[in-house]
Amino acid sequence: MTNLTVGNARITYRTEGSGPALVLVHGAGPGSVMWDALVDRFADRNTVVLPDLAGSDPAEDDGAPLTIEALAAQVIAVIEDLGTGPVDLLGFSLGAPTAAAAAALRPDLVRRLMPVAGLVDGRDEYLRQLFTLWTSLAGSPEGFGRLGTVTAYSRPFLNEFGHEAVEQFHGFMRPTDGMLRQLDLVGRLDIRRLLPKIEAPTLVVGCTRDLTVPVENHRELAEGIGGSEYTELDSGHVVMMERPDEFVKLVQEFFGRP
């Protein structure tokens, strides 16, 4: 585990495997642990880099409102600390605009870019209503977790897992101060001005059944990045859990290009 001080935050990152660097940027929630189930599937060919950014459980900062520029600066600091040159960069959910912003601000550090289930502008009325509802449940950890579960996964996936297993999902999304600050950032997000600065070959991944960040947002992100490719998977928001095999194949094929 490596510790870095970036601006007002003390963040960490860890690495697994060997080979070209693949940086996985987490979304809102506890942090890089969201990738743990897939790390071994990438680590046989990549040095998988797992940062924990401000708002995640391992990170520490002064508690000020988060900005996408600050999170992007933390990703940039991790890449610079690696010292390996340009990396492949993948961001999920809030991590998607974070990764996109990092690629825009420091194009020299990103070889290829993959934003997954991301967004450009958090002022979409559906997102405003959903995230306001979510944060209003901060006083009820069970309600907060249940709403997170319902929007994170598609109906077929929840039914496939069954009631007892799904009941265990709620604890993953807890209304910590950091999580609430991440949700607040989503509502203020606007990266439209940064998208034209992205130079890295980019594949945007959309999720057709996404109820957290509906697929129209994923398509808007692709449209804003000149020359980007776009593909969709039949999945809810947490695509790496619903469609792990398809997701891993997509990642390996795109980042495996010369």
Protein backbone atom coordinates (compact mmCIF):
# COMPACT_ATOMS: atom_id res chain seq x y z
CA MET A 1 0.00 0.00 0.00
CA THR A 2 1.39 3.39 -1.04
CA ASN A 3 0.31 6.65 0.61
CA LEU A 4 0.26 9.98 -1.22
CA THR A 5 -0.65 13.50 -0.17
CA VAL A 6 -2.43 15.36 -2.97
CA GLY A 7 -3.75 18.81 -2.15
CA ASN A 8 -5.93 18.50 0.95
CA ALA A 9 -6.20 14.70 0.76
CA ARG A 10 -4.16 11.74 1.88
CA ILE A 11 -4.93 8.88 -0.49
CA THR A 12 -3.62 5.36 -0.99
CA TYR A 13 -3.11 2.94 -3.82
CA ARG A 14 -2.14 -0.71 -4.11
CA THR A 15 -0.89 -2.82 -6.99
CA GLU A 16 -1.39 -6.45 -8.01
CA GLY A 17 0.22 -8.48 -10.79
CA SER A 18 2.80 -7.48 -13.36
CA GLY A 19 2.89 -6.06 -16.87
CA PRO A 20 1.60 -2.80 -18.39
CA ALA A 21 -0.19 -0.62 -15.85
CA LEU A 22 -4.01 -0.75 -15.75
CA VAL A 23 -5.47 1.83 -13.36
CA LEU A 24 -9.00 1.07 -12.09
CA VAL A 25 -10.86 4.10 -10.71
CA HIS A 26 -13.70 3.28 -8.34
CA GLY A 27 -17.13 4.92 -8.18
CA ALA A 28 -18.99 6.27 -5.16
CA GLY A 29 -18.78 3.98 -2.16
CA PRO A 30 -16.12 2.34 -0.03
CA GLY A 31 -13.34 2.51 -2.61
CA SER A 32 -11.17 0.17 -4.63
CA VAL A 33 -12.54 -2.94 -2.90
CA MET A 34 -15.29 -2.85 -5.53
CA TRP A 35 -12.73 -4.25 -8.00
CA ASP A 36 -11.45 -7.09 -5.80
CA ALA A 37 -13.51 -9.85 -7.42
CA LEU A 38 -11.93 -9.11 -10.83
CA VAL A 39 -8.34 -8.21 -9.94
CA ASP A 40 -6.96 -11.72 -10.47
CA ARG A 41 -8.46 -11.82 -13.96
CA PHE A 42 -6.43 -8.76 -14.99
CA ALA A 43 -3.30 -9.28 -12.89
CA ASP A 44 -2.01 -12.14 -15.04
CA ARG A 45 -1.21 -9.66 -17.81
CA ASN A 46 -1.23 -6.23 -16.13
CA THR A 47 0.02 -4.41 -13.10
CA VAL A 48 -3.42 -3.58 -11.72
CA VAL A 49 -3.36 -0.24 -9.89
CA LEU A 50 -6.14 0.34 -7.34
CA PRO A 51 -6.34 3.88 -5.93
CA ASP A 52 -8.61 4.86 -3.05
CA LEU A 53 -9.62 8.46 -3.73
CA ALA A 54 -11.10 11.14 -1.47
CA GLY A 55 -14.48 10.12 -0.10
CA SER A 56 -13.60 6.42 0.01
CA ASP A 57 -13.12 4.70 3.35
CA PRO A 58 -9.28 4.52 3.33
CA ALA A 59 -8.73 8.13 2.24
CA GLU A 60 -8.51 11.17 4.52
CA ASP A 61 -9.07 14.86 3.76
CA ASP A 62 -10.40 18.07 5.26
CA GLY A 63 -14.05 17.28 4.55
CA ALA A 64 -14.54 20.06 2.00
CA PRO A 65 -16.91 19.48 -0.93
CA LEU A 66 -15.33 17.24 -3.55
CA THR A 67 -14.56 18.42 -7.06
CA ILE A 68 -13.94 16.38 -10.18
CA GLU A 69 -10.69 18.28 -10.72
CA ALA A 70 -9.45 17.26 -7.26
CA LEU A 71 -10.29 13.60 -7.86
CA ALA A 72 -8.64 13.75 -11.29
CA ALA A 73 -5.53 15.29 -9.68
CA GLN A 74 -5.38 12.33 -7.32
CA VAL A 75 -5.52 9.87 -10.23
CA ILE A 76 -2.80 11.86 -12.00
CA ALA A 77 -0.63 11.79 -8.86
CA VAL A 78 -0.96 8.00 -8.66
CA ILE A 79 0.07 7.60 -12.32
CA GLU A 80 3.04 9.92 -11.84
CA ASP A 81 4.10 8.05 -8.70
CA LEU A 82 4.08 4.77 -10.62
CA GLY A 83 6.72 6.21 -12.94
CA THR A 84 5.93 3.75 -15.73
CA GLY A 85 4.77 6.20 -18.40
CA PRO A 86 1.31 6.29 -19.97
CA VAL A 87 -1.21 3.86 -18.46
CA ASP A 88 -4.47 2.27 -19.47
CA LEU A 89 -7.20 3.99 -17.45
CA LEU A 90 -10.66 2.62 -16.61
CA GLY A 91 -13.23 4.46 -14.51
CA PHE A 92 -16.62 3.21 -13.32
CA SER A 93 -19.66 5.37 -12.43
CA LEU A 94 -18.29 8.52 -10.71
CA GLY A 95 -14.89 7.09 -11.61
CA ALA A 96 -15.77 7.42 -15.31
CA PRO A 97 -15.85 11.26 -15.38
CA THR A 98 -12.91 11.25 -12.96
CA ALA A 99 -10.85 9.16 -15.37
CA ALA A 100 -12.04 11.25 -18.33
CA ALA A 101 -11.01 14.45 -16.54
CA ALA A 102 -7.57 12.99 -15.75
CA ALA A 103 -7.12 12.02 -19.41
CA ALA A 104 -8.15 15.52 -20.49
CA LEU A 105 -5.88 17.32 -18.04
CA ARG A 106 -2.84 15.11 -18.62
CA PRO A 107 -3.14 13.41 -22.02
CA ASP A 108 0.54 12.45 -21.85
CA LEU A 109 -0.22 10.03 -19.00
CA VAL A 110 -3.04 8.00 -20.59
CA ARG A 111 -2.52 5.44 -23.36
CA ARG A 112 -6.13 4.25 -23.61
CA LEU A 113 -9.29 5.26 -21.75
CA MET A 114 -12.44 3.30 -20.85
CA PRO A 115 -15.27 5.15 -19.01
CA VAL A 116 -17.95 2.69 -17.81
CA ALA A 117 -21.52 3.62 -16.81
CA GLY A 118 -20.51 7.27 -16.52
CA LEU A 119 -21.97 10.69 -17.06
CA VAL A 120 -21.12 14.17 -18.30
CA ASP A 121 -23.55 16.42 -16.42
CA GLY A 122 -25.19 15.65 -13.08
CA ARG A 123 -27.88 18.29 -13.54
CA ASP A 124 -30.12 15.85 -15.41
CA GLU A 125 -33.46 16.01 -13.58
CA TYR A 126 -33.74 12.25 -13.12
CA LEU A 127 -30.30 12.19 -11.50
CA ARG A 128 -31.15 15.19 -9.32
CA GLN A 129 -34.31 13.55 -8.02
CA LEU A 130 -32.69 10.16 -7.46
CA PHE A 131 -29.61 11.46 -5.69
CA THR A 132 -31.65 13.87 -3.56
CA LEU A 133 -33.82 10.92 -2.50
CA TRP A 134 -30.73 8.84 -1.78
CA THR A 135 -29.07 11.46 0.39
CA SER A 136 -32.36 12.12 2.22
CA LEU A 137 -32.11 8.53 3.49
CA ALA A 138 -28.78 9.17 5.23
CA GLY A 139 -30.48 8.81 8.62
CA SER A 140 -31.68 5.34 7.68
CA PRO A 141 -28.70 3.14 6.74
CA GLU A 142 -31.03 0.27 5.80
CA GLY A 143 -33.15 2.46 3.51
CA PHE A 144 -30.02 4.03 2.04
CA GLY A 145 -28.58 0.59 1.27
CA ARG A 146 -31.83 -0.78 -0.13
CA LEU A 147 -32.22 2.11 -2.58
CA GLY A 148 -28.61 1.62 -3.63
CA THR A 149 -29.26 -2.07 -4.27
CA VAL A 150 -32.45 -1.52 -6.26
CA THR A 151 -30.81 1.00 -8.58
CA ALA A 152 -27.44 -0.76 -8.85
CA TYR A 153 -28.68 -4.04 -10.33
CA SER A 154 -31.17 -5.07 -12.98
CA ARG A 155 -34.40 -6.87 -12.09
CA PRO A 156 -33.33 -10.15 -13.79
CA PHE A 157 -30.05 -10.16 -11.88
CA LEU A 158 -31.74 -9.57 -8.51
CA ASN A 159 -34.24 -12.35 -9.17
CA GLU A 160 -31.48 -14.70 -10.24
CA PHE A 161 -29.62 -14.14 -6.97
CA GLY A 162 -32.71 -14.57 -4.82
CA HIS A 163 -33.96 -12.78 -1.73
CA GLU A 164 -31.54 -14.06 0.90
CA ALA A 165 -28.46 -13.28 -1.17
CA VAL A 166 -29.73 -9.85 -2.23
CA GLU A 167 -30.38 -8.95 1.40
CA GLN A 168 -26.61 -9.12 1.90
CA PHE A 169 -25.97 -6.44 -0.76
CA HIS A 170 -27.32 -3.55 1.31
CA GLY A 171 -24.32 -3.21 3.57
CA PHE A 172 -21.98 -2.35 0.72
CA MET A 173 -23.44 1.15 0.32
CA ARG A 174 -23.37 2.96 3.66
CA PRO A 175 -24.24 6.65 4.23
CA THR A 176 -20.77 7.65 5.40
CA ASP A 177 -19.70 11.28 5.23
CA GLY A 178 -17.44 10.45 2.31
CA MET A 179 -20.19 8.65 0.40
CA LEU A 180 -22.57 11.58 0.88
CA ARG A 181 -19.91 13.98 -0.40
CA GLN A 182 -19.45 11.79 -3.46
CA LEU A 183 -23.19 11.85 -4.16
CA ASP A 184 -23.18 15.62 -3.72
CA LEU A 185 -20.45 15.86 -6.36
CA VAL A 186 -22.54 13.89 -8.85
CA GLY A 187 -25.27 16.54 -8.57
CA ARG A 188 -22.78 19.32 -9.35
CA LEU A 189 -20.84 17.49 -12.05
CA ASP A 190 -20.21 19.04 -15.47
CA ILE A 191 -17.20 17.89 -17.52
CA ARG A 192 -18.36 19.06 -20.94
CA ARG A 193 -15.54 21.59 -21.20
CA LEU A 194 -12.92 18.89 -20.60
CA LEU A 195 -14.06 16.28 -23.11
CA PRO A 196 -12.56 17.95 -26.23
CA LYS A 197 -9.13 17.77 -24.56
CA ILE A 198 -9.08 13.96 -24.43
CA GLU A 199 -6.54 12.55 -26.87
CA ALA A 200 -6.36 8.89 -25.82
CA PRO A 201 -8.21 6.26 -27.85
CA THR A 202 -11.43 5.79 -25.90
CA LEU A 203 -14.07 3.11 -25.56
CA VAL A 204 -17.18 4.21 -23.62
CA VAL A 205 -19.20 1.35 -22.13
CA GLY A 206 -22.92 1.78 -21.55
CA CYS A 207 -25.31 -0.38 -19.52
CA THR A 208 -28.78 -0.71 -21.02
CA ARG A 209 -30.64 -1.48 -17.75
CA ASP A 210 -28.85 1.11 -15.60
CA LEU A 211 -31.19 2.79 -13.08
CA THR A 212 -28.47 4.67 -11.19
CA VAL A 213 -27.03 6.54 -14.18
CA PRO A 214 -29.38 5.76 -17.11
CA VAL A 215 -27.83 4.72 -20.40
CA GLU A 216 -28.64 8.03 -22.12
CA ASN A 217 -25.90 9.54 -19.94
CA HIS A 218 -23.39 6.94 -21.14
CA ARG A 219 -24.25 7.74 -24.75
CA GLU A 220 -23.86 11.48 -24.11
CA LEU A 221 -20.39 10.85 -22.71
CA ALA A 222 -19.40 8.95 -25.86
CA GLU A 223 -20.78 11.69 -28.09
CA GLY A 224 -18.70 14.28 -26.26
CA ILE A 225 -15.37 12.50 -26.79
CA GLY A 226 -14.29 12.98 -30.38
CA GLY A 227 -13.41 9.76 -32.19
CA SER A 228 -14.45 7.54 -29.29
CA GLU A 229 -15.95 4.08 -29.70
CA TYR A 230 -19.11 3.06 -27.89
CA THR A 231 -20.59 -0.28 -26.87
CA GLU A 232 -23.40 -1.40 -24.58
CA LEU A 233 -23.87 -4.41 -22.34
CA ASP A 234 -27.27 -5.72 -21.24
CA SER A 235 -26.77 -4.96 -17.58
CA GLY A 236 -27.67 -2.83 -14.62
CA HIS A 237 -25.26 -0.24 -13.25
CA VAL A 238 -22.75 -2.61 -11.62
CA VAL A 239 -21.85 -4.33 -14.87
CA MET A 240 -18.68 -5.97 -13.56
CA MET A 241 -20.85 -8.00 -11.16
CA GLU A 242 -23.75 -8.71 -13.51
CA ARG A 243 -21.72 -9.51 -16.63
CA PRO A 244 -18.20 -10.30 -15.36
CA ASP A 245 -17.14 -12.51 -18.27
CA GLU A 246 -18.34 -10.09 -20.94
CA PHE A 247 -16.86 -7.16 -19.06
CA VAL A 248 -13.43 -8.76 -18.60
CA LYS A 249 -13.33 -9.77 -22.28
CA LEU A 250 -14.17 -6.21 -23.34
CA VAL A 251 -11.48 -4.73 -21.09
CA GLN A 252 -8.80 -7.19 -22.16
CA GLU A 253 -9.55 -6.80 -25.85
CA PHE A 254 -9.57 -3.00 -25.81
CA PHE A 255 -6.51 -2.51 -23.67
CA GLY A 256 -4.76 -5.37 -25.46
CA ARG A 257 -4.61 -3.36 -28.66
CA PRO A 258 -1.15 -2.04 -29.58
